[in-house]
Amino acid sequence: MLTPRSVFVNCPFDNEYKTLLLRPMIFTLLYFNLTPCLATIRDDGGEQRLHKIIDLMRQCQYSIHDLSRLEVSVQQIPRMNMPFELGVDFGIRYSSEHFKAKRFLIFELHEHDLKPVLSDISGCDPKAHENLPDLIVKHVRDWIVTENLSHKRTYYDLIGDLYTIFMDWLVESIDKSYREKRNMKIPEPNLPDSEFAETAGRWLKDNRSLIERV
């Protein structure tokens, strides 16, 4: 059964992407009272990764697929996991009437990047985020509004301001000696995705008065 307010997020999981783009994406979804579902959040070592992904796709009415790392060159063959998994999700959508309510947001790095290598999705209007957190927040926000997933109409720059406030609070809340001991090179604490989502969701609930003023 599709869960109406759950969003499957299929994206790269390296530290650079997680810090720069995934966290503001998760925060934006939580701001609009949506539940982000990632393969990394459901951490069952005995579950095969593709089976886990398909299970999440079949549960979530909405999906975000980021294909921005699909770079083609003469020297290097790109990893095809993300396009393959997008194809699986499309297959689920058209497999029965039960899944036809599924909706997708597709990301690429720059506008028209996907046309030469994945022309079949040209009609799906992929969004270019250019590795910019502000564009991630804007496109996710606009998609949520277009799909009428929330009554909120908050401008994306205000959501970005809230995210900055939250991250400042999160960094300060982590013991200084803990960060120094591990010689962390980035300002954001390296939390597991599940803990980050739980912490951000709790912060949004605890700071409703602040959110209403922004």
Protein backbone atom coordinates (compact mmCIF):
# COMPACT_ATOMS: atom_id res chain seq x y z
CA MET A 1 0.00 0.00 0.00
CA LEU A 2 1.34 3.45 -0.96
CA THR A 3 2.07 5.78 1.95
CA PRO A 4 0.84 9.23 0.84
CA ARG A 5 3.32 11.40 2.77
CA SER A 6 6.44 9.28 2.28
CA VAL A 7 9.15 10.26 -0.20
CA PHE A 8 11.72 7.76 -1.42
CA VAL A 9 15.07 9.53 -1.90
CA ASN A 10 17.49 7.87 -4.32
CA CYS A 11 20.75 9.80 -4.49
CA PRO A 12 24.53 9.51 -4.03
CA PHE A 13 25.61 8.87 -0.45
CA ASP A 14 29.20 10.09 -0.37
CA ASN A 15 30.08 12.61 2.34
CA GLU A 16 30.35 15.54 -0.09
CA TYR A 17 26.86 15.01 -1.48
CA LYS A 18 25.41 14.27 1.94
CA THR A 19 26.79 17.46 3.47
CA LEU A 20 26.11 19.77 0.53
CA LEU A 21 22.78 18.53 -0.87
CA LEU A 22 21.16 15.60 0.94
CA ARG A 23 20.79 17.30 4.31
CA PRO A 24 19.01 20.41 2.98
CA MET A 25 16.81 18.08 0.91
CA ILE A 26 15.85 16.04 3.99
CA PHE A 27 15.26 19.22 6.00
CA THR A 28 12.96 20.65 3.31
CA LEU A 29 10.88 17.46 3.17
CA LEU A 30 10.55 17.45 6.96
CA TYR A 31 9.60 21.13 6.96
CA PHE A 32 6.59 20.22 4.80
CA ASN A 33 5.71 17.30 7.11
CA LEU A 34 6.83 14.68 4.61
CA THR A 35 8.78 11.56 5.58
CA PRO A 36 12.08 10.99 3.73
CA CYS A 37 12.77 7.30 3.10
CA LEU A 38 16.35 6.36 2.24
CA ALA A 39 18.02 2.99 1.90
CA THR A 40 20.58 4.18 4.48
CA ILE A 41 17.90 4.92 7.07
CA ARG A 42 16.66 1.34 7.05
CA ASP A 43 19.95 -0.26 8.03
CA ASP A 44 19.39 -4.02 7.99
CA GLY A 45 22.67 -5.73 7.13
CA GLY A 46 20.86 -8.92 6.18
CA GLU A 47 18.69 -7.20 3.57
CA GLN A 48 19.94 -7.09 -0.01
CA ARG A 49 20.28 -3.48 -1.16
CA LEU A 50 18.17 -3.73 -4.33
CA HIS A 51 15.39 -5.57 -2.49
CA LYS A 52 15.40 -2.82 0.14
CA ILE A 53 15.18 -0.11 -2.54
CA ILE A 54 12.32 -1.82 -4.38
CA ASP A 55 10.46 -2.30 -1.11
CA LEU A 56 10.79 1.43 -0.35
CA MET A 57 9.66 2.35 -3.88
CA ARG A 58 6.55 0.22 -3.47
CA GLN A 59 5.74 1.91 -0.17
CA CYS A 60 6.30 5.56 -1.14
CA GLN A 61 3.88 7.52 -3.29
CA TYR A 62 6.60 10.03 -4.11
CA SER A 63 10.22 9.62 -5.22
CA ILE A 64 13.23 11.87 -5.73
CA HIS A 65 15.93 10.52 -8.06
CA ASP A 66 19.19 12.43 -8.42
CA LEU A 67 21.09 11.50 -11.60
CA SER A 68 23.58 14.35 -11.35
CA ARG A 69 26.55 11.97 -11.11
CA LEU A 70 25.75 10.38 -14.46
CA GLU A 71 28.76 11.77 -16.30
CA VAL A 72 29.86 10.26 -19.60
CA SER A 73 33.40 10.55 -20.92
CA VAL A 74 35.77 8.63 -23.19
CA GLN A 75 37.99 7.75 -20.24
CA GLN A 76 35.32 6.58 -17.82
CA ILE A 77 32.14 4.52 -17.99
CA PRO A 78 29.57 6.02 -15.59
CA ARG A 79 27.95 4.06 -12.79
CA MET A 80 24.43 3.15 -13.87
CA ASN A 81 22.81 2.33 -10.53
CA MET A 82 20.77 5.52 -10.32
CA PRO A 83 19.28 5.37 -13.87
CA PHE A 84 18.58 1.66 -13.39
CA GLU A 85 16.75 2.33 -10.12
CA LEU A 86 14.77 5.16 -11.71
CA GLY A 87 13.72 2.68 -14.41
CA VAL A 88 12.64 0.20 -11.74
CA ASP A 89 10.52 2.92 -10.10
CA PHE A 90 8.90 3.78 -13.44
CA GLY A 91 8.21 0.09 -13.95
CA ILE A 92 6.48 -0.08 -10.57
CA ARG A 93 4.41 3.00 -11.42
CA TYR A 94 3.03 1.43 -14.57
CA SER A 95 2.78 -2.13 -13.27
CA SER A 96 -0.76 -1.75 -11.95
CA GLU A 97 -3.51 0.76 -11.17
CA HIS A 98 -2.44 0.59 -7.53
CA PHE A 99 0.83 2.43 -8.27
CA LYS A 100 -0.31 4.97 -10.86
CA ALA A 101 -0.50 7.67 -8.18
CA LYS A 102 3.29 7.63 -7.83
CA ARG A 103 5.02 10.92 -8.69
CA PHE A 104 8.70 11.68 -9.32
CA LEU A 105 11.16 14.55 -9.01
CA ILE A 106 14.29 13.96 -11.10
CA PHE A 107 17.52 15.91 -10.70
CA GLU A 108 20.42 16.47 -13.07
CA LEU A 109 23.56 18.53 -12.56
CA HIS A 110 23.14 21.08 -15.37
CA GLU A 111 20.16 21.73 -17.60
CA HIS A 112 19.92 19.22 -20.48
CA ASP A 113 22.78 17.06 -19.12
CA LEU A 114 20.64 13.94 -19.38
CA LYS A 115 19.41 14.46 -22.93
CA PRO A 116 22.38 12.81 -24.72
CA VAL A 117 22.44 9.74 -22.44
CA LEU A 118 18.84 9.29 -21.26
CA SER A 119 16.61 10.94 -23.84
CA ASP A 120 13.55 8.87 -22.87
CA ILE A 121 13.02 11.04 -19.76
CA SER A 122 13.20 14.35 -21.65
CA GLY A 123 9.45 14.79 -21.13
CA CYS A 124 9.80 14.36 -17.37
CA ASP A 125 11.30 17.84 -16.90
CA PRO A 126 14.37 17.02 -14.79
CA LYS A 127 15.60 19.87 -12.59
CA ALA A 128 19.21 21.08 -12.54
CA HIS A 129 20.63 21.73 -9.05
CA GLU A 130 24.21 22.64 -10.13
CA ASN A 131 25.49 21.32 -6.76
CA LEU A 132 23.87 24.30 -5.02
CA PRO A 133 21.93 23.72 -1.78
CA ASP A 134 19.65 26.70 -2.50
CA LEU A 135 18.55 25.12 -5.80
CA ILE A 136 17.90 21.77 -4.09
CA VAL A 137 15.65 23.52 -1.56
CA LYS A 138 13.91 25.55 -4.29
CA HIS A 139 13.18 22.61 -6.59
CA VAL A 140 11.99 20.35 -3.77
CA ARG A 141 9.83 23.16 -2.39
CA ASP A 142 8.34 23.97 -5.82
CA TRP A 143 7.64 20.28 -6.52
CA ILE A 144 5.83 19.90 -3.19
CA VAL A 145 3.72 22.97 -3.93
CA THR A 146 2.98 21.85 -7.51
CA GLU A 147 1.92 18.39 -6.34
CA ASN A 148 -0.18 20.06 -3.61
CA LEU A 149 1.49 18.05 -0.85
CA SER A 150 1.23 20.85 1.68
CA HIS A 151 -0.86 23.93 2.41
CA LYS A 152 2.36 25.82 3.21
CA ARG A 153 3.65 28.25 0.59
CA THR A 154 6.88 29.31 2.30
CA TYR A 155 9.48 30.80 -0.05
CA TYR A 156 12.55 28.63 -0.55
CA ASP A 157 14.98 31.27 0.73
CA LEU A 158 13.19 31.34 4.08
CA ILE A 159 13.44 27.54 4.30
CA GLY A 160 17.15 27.93 3.56
CA ASP A 161 17.45 30.43 6.41
CA LEU A 162 15.79 27.96 8.77
CA TYR A 163 18.16 25.22 7.64
CA THR A 164 21.15 27.46 8.40
CA ILE A 165 19.76 28.21 11.88
CA PHE A 166 19.21 24.50 12.49
CA MET A 167 22.70 23.53 11.36
CA ASP A 168 24.26 26.21 13.58
CA TRP A 169 22.30 24.81 16.51
CA LEU A 170 23.29 21.24 15.63
CA VAL A 171 26.99 22.03 15.46
CA GLU A 172 26.87 23.87 18.78
CA SER A 173 24.98 21.03 20.42
CA ILE A 174 27.78 18.54 19.79
CA ASP A 175 30.47 18.47 22.42
CA LYS A 176 33.53 20.46 21.29
CA SER A 177 36.00 17.89 22.55
CA TYR A 178 34.25 15.15 20.57
CA ARG A 179 34.76 17.09 17.33
CA GLU A 180 38.34 18.04 18.14
CA LYS A 181 39.26 14.49 19.08
CA ARG A 182 38.21 13.22 15.68
CA ASN A 183 39.72 16.21 13.84
CA MET A 184 36.54 16.88 11.89
CA LYS A 185 37.27 18.92 8.76
CA ILE A 186 33.69 19.98 8.03
CA PRO A 187 31.49 22.08 10.30
CA GLU A 188 28.52 19.71 10.14
CA PRO A 189 28.50 16.73 12.50
CA ASN A 190 28.76 13.42 10.67
CA LEU A 191 25.50 11.89 11.87
CA PRO A 192 23.88 8.82 10.28
CA ASP A 193 21.02 9.79 7.97
CA SER A 194 18.41 8.33 10.33
CA GLU A 195 19.73 10.32 13.29
CA PHE A 196 19.98 13.51 11.23
CA ALA A 197 16.36 13.15 10.03
CA GLU A 198 15.14 12.40 13.56
CA THR A 199 17.04 15.38 15.01
CA ALA A 200 15.85 17.78 12.30
CA GLY A 201 12.25 16.63 12.68
CA ARG A 202 12.39 17.10 16.44
CA TRP A 203 13.98 20.56 16.07
CA LEU A 204 11.24 21.67 13.67
CA LYS A 205 8.56 20.56 16.13
CA ASP A 206 10.28 22.20 19.10
CA ASN A 207 10.76 25.52 17.27
CA ARG A 208 7.34 26.14 15.80
CA SER A 209 7.23 29.68 17.19
CA LEU A 210 10.52 30.51 15.44
CA ILE A 211 9.33 28.91 12.20
CA GLU A 212 6.14 30.96 12.24
CA ARG A 213 8.17 34.18 12.54
CA VAL A 214 10.49 33.35 9.61
